[in-house]
N, C-alpha and C. Protein backbone atom coordinates (compact mmCIF):
# COMPACT_ATOMS: atom_id res chain seq x y z
N PRO A 1 99.87 78.55 119.77
CA PRO A 1 100.11 77.32 120.51
C PRO A 1 99.40 76.14 119.86
N ILE A 2 100.06 75.02 119.91
CA ILE A 2 99.50 73.76 119.42
C ILE A 2 99.43 72.81 120.60
N ASP A 3 98.23 72.31 120.86
CA ASP A 3 98.01 71.43 122.02
C ASP A 3 98.52 72.05 123.31
N GLY A 4 98.36 73.38 123.45
CA GLY A 4 98.76 74.07 124.67
C GLY A 4 100.25 74.33 124.79
N LYS A 5 101.03 74.01 123.75
CA LYS A 5 102.48 74.22 123.79
C LYS A 5 102.84 75.33 122.80
N PRO A 6 103.87 76.12 123.13
CA PRO A 6 104.25 77.21 122.23
C PRO A 6 104.75 76.68 120.89
N ALA A 7 104.49 77.45 119.84
CA ALA A 7 104.93 77.07 118.51
C ALA A 7 106.44 77.27 118.38
N LEU A 8 107.05 76.51 117.51
CA LEU A 8 108.48 76.62 117.25
C LEU A 8 108.66 76.82 115.75
N GLU A 9 109.36 77.88 115.39
CA GLU A 9 109.65 78.13 114.00
C GLU A 9 111.15 78.26 113.85
N VAL A 10 111.68 77.63 112.83
CA VAL A 10 113.12 77.64 112.62
C VAL A 10 113.38 78.04 111.17
N GLY A 11 114.33 78.90 110.98
CA GLY A 11 114.76 79.28 109.64
C GLY A 11 116.26 79.26 109.60
N MET A 12 116.80 79.03 108.43
CA MET A 12 118.25 78.97 108.30
C MET A 12 118.67 79.91 107.17
N ILE A 13 119.67 80.71 107.43
CA ILE A 13 120.16 81.66 106.45
C ILE A 13 121.63 81.37 106.22
N GLY A 14 121.99 81.18 104.97
CA GLY A 14 123.37 80.84 104.63
C GLY A 14 124.30 82.03 104.62
N ARG A 15 125.50 81.81 104.12
CA ARG A 15 126.56 82.82 104.13
C ARG A 15 126.15 84.13 103.46
N GLU A 16 125.40 84.04 102.38
CA GLU A 16 124.99 85.25 101.68
C GLU A 16 123.52 85.56 101.90
N GLY A 17 122.92 84.98 102.93
CA GLY A 17 121.51 85.18 103.20
C GLY A 17 121.23 86.51 103.86
N MET A 18 119.94 86.81 103.98
CA MET A 18 119.54 88.08 104.58
C MET A 18 118.27 87.86 105.39
N LEU A 19 118.19 88.50 106.51
CA LEU A 19 117.01 88.47 107.36
C LEU A 19 116.44 89.88 107.39
N GLY A 20 115.14 90.02 107.29
CA GLY A 20 114.51 91.32 107.38
C GLY A 20 114.12 91.93 106.05
N ALA A 21 113.92 91.10 105.02
CA ALA A 21 113.54 91.61 103.71
C ALA A 21 112.21 92.37 103.74
N GLN A 22 111.39 92.09 104.74
CA GLN A 22 110.09 92.76 104.84
C GLN A 22 110.24 94.26 105.07
N LEU A 23 111.43 94.72 105.50
CA LEU A 23 111.67 96.16 105.65
C LEU A 23 111.54 96.88 104.30
N ALA A 24 111.90 96.19 103.23
CA ALA A 24 111.78 96.77 101.89
C ALA A 24 110.32 97.00 101.52
N LEU A 25 109.42 96.30 102.17
CA LEU A 25 107.99 96.44 101.92
C LEU A 25 107.33 97.45 102.85
N GLY A 26 108.14 98.08 103.71
CA GLY A 26 107.61 99.10 104.61
C GLY A 26 107.17 98.58 105.96
N VAL A 27 107.39 97.30 106.26
CA VAL A 27 107.04 96.75 107.57
C VAL A 27 108.13 97.14 108.54
N VAL A 28 107.79 97.90 109.57
CA VAL A 28 108.80 98.43 110.49
C VAL A 28 109.06 97.48 111.66
N THR A 29 108.02 96.88 112.22
CA THR A 29 108.17 95.97 113.35
C THR A 29 108.02 94.53 112.88
N VAL A 30 109.00 93.72 113.19
CA VAL A 30 109.00 92.33 112.75
C VAL A 30 109.18 91.44 113.97
N PRO A 31 108.30 90.46 114.18
CA PRO A 31 108.40 89.60 115.36
C PRO A 31 109.41 88.46 115.17
N LEU A 32 110.67 88.81 114.91
CA LEU A 32 111.70 87.81 114.69
C LEU A 32 112.86 88.03 115.65
N HIS A 33 113.55 86.96 115.93
CA HIS A 33 114.77 87.03 116.72
C HIS A 33 115.86 86.35 115.89
N ALA A 34 116.95 87.05 115.63
CA ALA A 34 118.03 86.49 114.83
C ALA A 34 119.18 86.07 115.72
N LEU A 35 119.79 84.95 115.40
CA LEU A 35 120.90 84.41 116.16
C LEU A 35 121.97 83.94 115.19
N VAL A 36 123.19 84.46 115.31
CA VAL A 36 124.29 83.98 114.50
C VAL A 36 124.93 82.83 115.26
N GLN A 37 124.96 81.68 114.61
CA GLN A 37 125.44 80.48 115.28
C GLN A 37 126.45 79.79 114.39
N GLY A 38 127.50 79.28 114.95
CA GLY A 38 128.51 78.61 114.15
C GLY A 38 129.63 79.56 113.78
N GLU A 39 130.47 79.10 112.88
CA GLU A 39 131.65 79.85 112.49
C GLU A 39 131.29 81.09 111.68
N GLY A 40 131.99 82.17 111.90
CA GLY A 40 131.76 83.39 111.15
C GLY A 40 131.07 84.44 111.99
N ALA A 41 130.77 85.55 111.36
CA ALA A 41 130.14 86.66 112.07
C ALA A 41 129.27 87.45 111.11
N ALA A 42 128.31 88.15 111.66
CA ALA A 42 127.43 89.01 110.86
C ALA A 42 127.04 90.21 111.71
N TRP A 43 126.84 91.34 111.08
CA TRP A 43 126.37 92.50 111.80
C TRP A 43 125.55 93.36 110.88
N ARG A 44 124.72 94.19 111.47
CA ARG A 44 123.79 95.02 110.72
C ARG A 44 123.83 96.43 111.27
N ILE A 45 123.81 97.39 110.35
CA ILE A 45 123.74 98.78 110.75
C ILE A 45 122.43 99.32 110.19
N GLY A 46 121.57 99.80 111.04
CA GLY A 46 120.26 100.29 110.62
C GLY A 46 120.27 101.75 110.21
N ALA A 47 119.16 102.41 110.39
CA ALA A 47 118.97 103.79 109.94
C ALA A 47 119.64 104.77 110.90
N VAL A 48 120.97 104.81 110.86
CA VAL A 48 121.76 105.73 111.68
C VAL A 48 122.79 106.39 110.77
N THR A 49 123.52 107.38 111.31
CA THR A 49 124.60 108.03 110.58
C THR A 49 125.92 107.65 111.22
N VAL A 50 126.87 107.18 110.41
CA VAL A 50 128.20 106.81 110.88
C VAL A 50 129.23 107.49 110.00
N SER A 51 130.46 107.63 110.49
CA SER A 51 131.48 108.33 109.71
C SER A 51 132.10 107.43 108.64
N ASN A 52 132.57 106.26 108.99
CA ASN A 52 133.18 105.31 108.05
C ASN A 52 132.76 103.91 108.43
N VAL A 53 132.81 103.00 107.46
CA VAL A 53 132.51 101.60 107.73
C VAL A 53 133.65 100.76 107.17
N GLU A 54 134.17 99.84 107.99
CA GLU A 54 135.17 98.88 107.55
C GLU A 54 134.64 97.49 107.87
N VAL A 55 134.46 96.69 106.83
CA VAL A 55 134.00 95.31 107.01
C VAL A 55 135.25 94.46 107.06
N ARG A 56 135.56 93.93 108.21
CA ARG A 56 136.80 93.18 108.42
C ARG A 56 136.77 91.83 107.74
N ALA A 57 137.95 91.27 107.56
CA ALA A 57 138.13 90.01 106.85
C ALA A 57 137.21 88.92 107.39
N GLY A 58 136.49 88.27 106.48
CA GLY A 58 135.62 87.16 106.84
C GLY A 58 134.27 87.54 107.43
N MET A 59 134.02 88.82 107.64
CA MET A 59 132.76 89.24 108.26
C MET A 59 131.73 89.64 107.21
N THR A 60 130.47 89.72 107.65
CA THR A 60 129.38 90.17 106.81
C THR A 60 128.73 91.38 107.46
N CYS A 61 128.45 92.42 106.66
CA CYS A 61 127.81 93.62 107.15
C CYS A 61 126.65 93.98 106.24
N GLU A 62 125.51 94.29 106.85
CA GLU A 62 124.35 94.74 106.10
C GLU A 62 124.05 96.18 106.50
N LEU A 63 123.97 97.06 105.52
CA LEU A 63 123.58 98.45 105.76
C LEU A 63 122.14 98.59 105.28
N ASP A 64 121.29 99.20 106.09
CA ASP A 64 119.88 99.35 105.74
C ASP A 64 119.41 100.72 106.21
N GLY A 65 119.25 101.65 105.29
CA GLY A 65 118.84 103.00 105.65
C GLY A 65 119.96 103.79 106.31
N THR A 66 121.18 103.32 106.18
CA THR A 66 122.33 103.92 106.85
C THR A 66 122.91 105.07 106.03
N THR A 67 123.34 106.14 106.72
CA THR A 67 124.06 107.23 106.08
C THR A 67 125.52 107.14 106.53
N VAL A 68 126.42 107.06 105.56
CA VAL A 68 127.86 107.01 105.84
C VAL A 68 128.45 108.31 105.34
N THR A 69 128.96 109.14 106.26
CA THR A 69 129.49 110.44 105.87
C THR A 69 130.88 110.34 105.26
N GLY A 70 131.55 109.22 105.44
CA GLY A 70 132.86 108.97 104.84
C GLY A 70 132.76 107.88 103.79
N GLY A 71 133.65 106.89 103.88
CA GLY A 71 133.68 105.81 102.90
C GLY A 71 133.44 104.45 103.53
N VAL A 72 133.37 103.45 102.64
CA VAL A 72 133.17 102.07 103.06
C VAL A 72 134.32 101.25 102.49
N LYS A 73 134.97 100.45 103.35
CA LYS A 73 136.07 99.59 102.94
C LYS A 73 135.70 98.16 103.27
N VAL A 74 135.79 97.26 102.27
CA VAL A 74 135.46 95.85 102.46
C VAL A 74 136.74 95.05 102.27
N LEU A 75 137.18 94.38 103.32
CA LEU A 75 138.46 93.67 103.29
C LEU A 75 138.32 92.25 102.75
N ALA A 76 139.43 91.52 102.70
CA ALA A 76 139.49 90.18 102.11
C ALA A 76 138.44 89.23 102.69
N ASP A 77 137.76 88.52 101.82
CA ASP A 77 136.76 87.50 102.15
C ASP A 77 135.59 88.04 102.96
N ALA A 78 135.37 89.35 102.93
CA ALA A 78 134.26 89.97 103.65
C ALA A 78 133.10 90.20 102.69
N THR A 79 131.90 90.38 103.25
CA THR A 79 130.69 90.61 102.46
C THR A 79 130.00 91.88 102.93
N LEU A 80 129.61 92.73 101.97
CA LEU A 80 128.85 93.93 102.25
C LEU A 80 127.54 93.87 101.47
N ILE A 81 126.43 94.04 102.17
CA ILE A 81 125.11 94.14 101.55
C ILE A 81 124.57 95.52 101.93
N ALA A 82 124.47 96.42 100.96
CA ALA A 82 123.94 97.75 101.21
C ALA A 82 122.58 97.84 100.53
N GLY A 83 121.53 97.89 101.34
CA GLY A 83 120.16 97.84 100.83
C GLY A 83 119.54 99.20 100.63
N ASN A 84 118.26 99.27 100.83
CA ASN A 84 117.46 100.45 100.53
C ASN A 84 117.81 101.64 101.42
N GLY A 85 117.87 102.82 100.81
CA GLY A 85 118.06 104.06 101.56
C GLY A 85 119.45 104.30 102.09
N VAL A 86 120.45 103.59 101.58
CA VAL A 86 121.83 103.77 102.03
C VAL A 86 122.46 104.95 101.28
N GLN A 87 123.03 105.87 102.02
CA GLN A 87 123.67 107.05 101.45
C GLN A 87 125.14 107.04 101.86
N ILE A 88 126.04 106.95 100.87
CA ILE A 88 127.47 106.91 101.15
C ILE A 88 128.10 108.14 100.50
N ALA A 89 128.64 109.05 101.33
CA ALA A 89 129.21 110.30 100.83
C ALA A 89 130.55 110.08 100.14
N GLY A 90 131.30 109.08 100.57
CA GLY A 90 132.61 108.79 99.99
C GLY A 90 132.53 107.64 98.99
N SER A 91 133.60 106.87 98.93
CA SER A 91 133.71 105.75 97.99
C SER A 91 133.48 104.42 98.67
N VAL A 92 133.21 103.40 97.86
CA VAL A 92 133.15 102.01 98.32
C VAL A 92 134.36 101.32 97.70
N GLN A 93 135.23 100.77 98.56
CA GLN A 93 136.44 100.09 98.10
C GLN A 93 136.46 98.67 98.64
N ALA A 94 136.72 97.72 97.75
CA ALA A 94 136.79 96.32 98.16
C ALA A 94 138.01 95.69 97.52
N ASP A 95 138.83 95.04 98.34
CA ASP A 95 140.04 94.38 97.85
C ASP A 95 140.03 92.93 98.32
N GLY A 96 139.72 92.02 97.41
CA GLY A 96 139.65 90.60 97.76
C GLY A 96 138.39 90.22 98.50
N ALA A 97 137.36 91.05 98.41
CA ALA A 97 136.10 90.79 99.12
C ALA A 97 135.38 89.58 98.54
N HIS A 98 134.60 88.91 99.38
CA HIS A 98 133.81 87.77 98.92
C HIS A 98 132.64 88.24 98.05
N HIS A 99 131.91 89.25 98.53
CA HIS A 99 130.75 89.76 97.79
C HIS A 99 130.46 91.19 98.23
N VAL A 100 130.14 92.04 97.26
CA VAL A 100 129.73 93.41 97.53
C VAL A 100 128.46 93.67 96.74
N GLU A 101 127.43 94.10 97.44
CA GLU A 101 126.15 94.35 96.77
C GLU A 101 125.57 95.69 97.20
N LEU A 102 125.25 96.52 96.21
CA LEU A 102 124.59 97.79 96.44
C LEU A 102 123.26 97.73 95.71
N SER A 103 122.18 97.83 96.45
CA SER A 103 120.86 97.74 95.82
C SER A 103 119.90 98.69 96.51
N GLY A 104 118.80 98.96 95.87
CA GLY A 104 117.80 99.85 96.45
C GLY A 104 117.65 101.11 95.64
N ALA A 105 116.42 101.43 95.29
CA ALA A 105 116.14 102.58 94.43
C ALA A 105 116.59 103.89 95.05
N SER A 106 116.57 104.01 96.36
CA SER A 106 116.92 105.29 96.99
C SER A 106 118.33 105.28 97.59
N SER A 107 119.16 104.31 97.22
CA SER A 107 120.55 104.26 97.70
C SER A 107 121.44 105.06 96.77
N ARG A 108 122.51 105.65 97.35
CA ARG A 108 123.40 106.48 96.55
C ARG A 108 124.82 106.41 97.07
N VAL A 109 125.78 106.31 96.14
CA VAL A 109 127.21 106.39 96.45
C VAL A 109 127.73 107.62 95.73
N ALA A 110 128.20 108.62 96.48
CA ALA A 110 128.67 109.87 95.88
C ALA A 110 130.06 109.73 95.27
N GLY A 111 130.89 108.87 95.85
CA GLY A 111 132.25 108.67 95.35
C GLY A 111 132.32 107.53 94.35
N SER A 112 133.48 106.89 94.28
CA SER A 112 133.67 105.80 93.32
C SER A 112 133.32 104.45 93.94
N PHE A 113 133.20 103.46 93.07
CA PHE A 113 132.86 102.08 93.44
C PHE A 113 133.98 101.22 92.88
N GLU A 114 134.94 100.79 93.75
CA GLU A 114 136.15 100.12 93.29
C GLU A 114 136.22 98.70 93.84
N ILE A 115 136.31 97.73 92.93
CA ILE A 115 136.42 96.32 93.32
C ILE A 115 137.71 95.77 92.73
N LYS A 116 138.56 95.16 93.59
CA LYS A 116 139.82 94.57 93.13
C LYS A 116 139.90 93.13 93.62
N LYS A 117 140.30 92.22 92.73
CA LYS A 117 140.58 90.82 93.08
C LYS A 117 139.55 90.18 94.00
N GLY A 118 138.30 90.40 93.78
CA GLY A 118 137.29 89.85 94.68
C GLY A 118 136.45 88.76 94.06
N GLY A 119 135.43 88.40 94.79
CA GLY A 119 134.47 87.41 94.34
C GLY A 119 133.44 88.07 93.44
N SER A 120 132.23 88.25 93.94
CA SER A 120 131.15 88.82 93.12
C SER A 120 130.78 90.22 93.60
N ALA A 121 130.19 90.98 92.67
CA ALA A 121 129.71 92.32 92.99
C ALA A 121 128.44 92.57 92.20
N ALA A 122 127.53 93.32 92.80
CA ALA A 122 126.27 93.66 92.11
C ALA A 122 125.88 95.07 92.47
N GLN A 123 125.46 95.82 91.45
CA GLN A 123 124.93 97.17 91.67
C GLN A 123 123.59 97.22 90.95
N MET A 124 122.52 97.36 91.73
CA MET A 124 121.17 97.32 91.16
C MET A 124 120.38 98.54 91.60
N ARG A 125 119.86 99.30 90.66
CA ARG A 125 119.01 100.46 90.93
C ARG A 125 119.64 101.40 91.95
N THR A 126 120.94 101.57 91.90
CA THR A 126 121.66 102.42 92.84
C THR A 126 122.31 103.56 92.07
N SER A 127 122.32 104.74 92.64
CA SER A 127 122.91 105.90 91.98
C SER A 127 124.39 106.01 92.32
N CYS A 128 125.23 105.95 91.31
CA CYS A 128 126.67 106.17 91.44
C CYS A 128 127.08 107.13 90.33
N PRO A 129 128.13 107.92 90.56
CA PRO A 129 128.56 108.86 89.51
C PRO A 129 129.13 108.11 88.31
């Protein structure tokens, strides 16, 4: 508090931004509240197991510690950020996607990594066949 009033902190994250980078440093609890405001959408899948992931047109999806027993499909103008500890048993397919990023030393894609007619793609320290 400043002068008896609660503090106010504001941060802004753009279209390709990310919130929660401190998870990569091992910090599990973070005193932040995220709010998606304005046009567009964003969603995050944490350390859970899901069968398949489809990132719909224009949306952004962040995978963090997620296990996908099937595949991942990224549709037109969509963004996929797959961070640390992501395990994908199937393939990653993107057709016309805005951005696809696979990063993290312990992340793995067992199937293929296919990008068609899209924007940007990055694969960093990730295991793919």
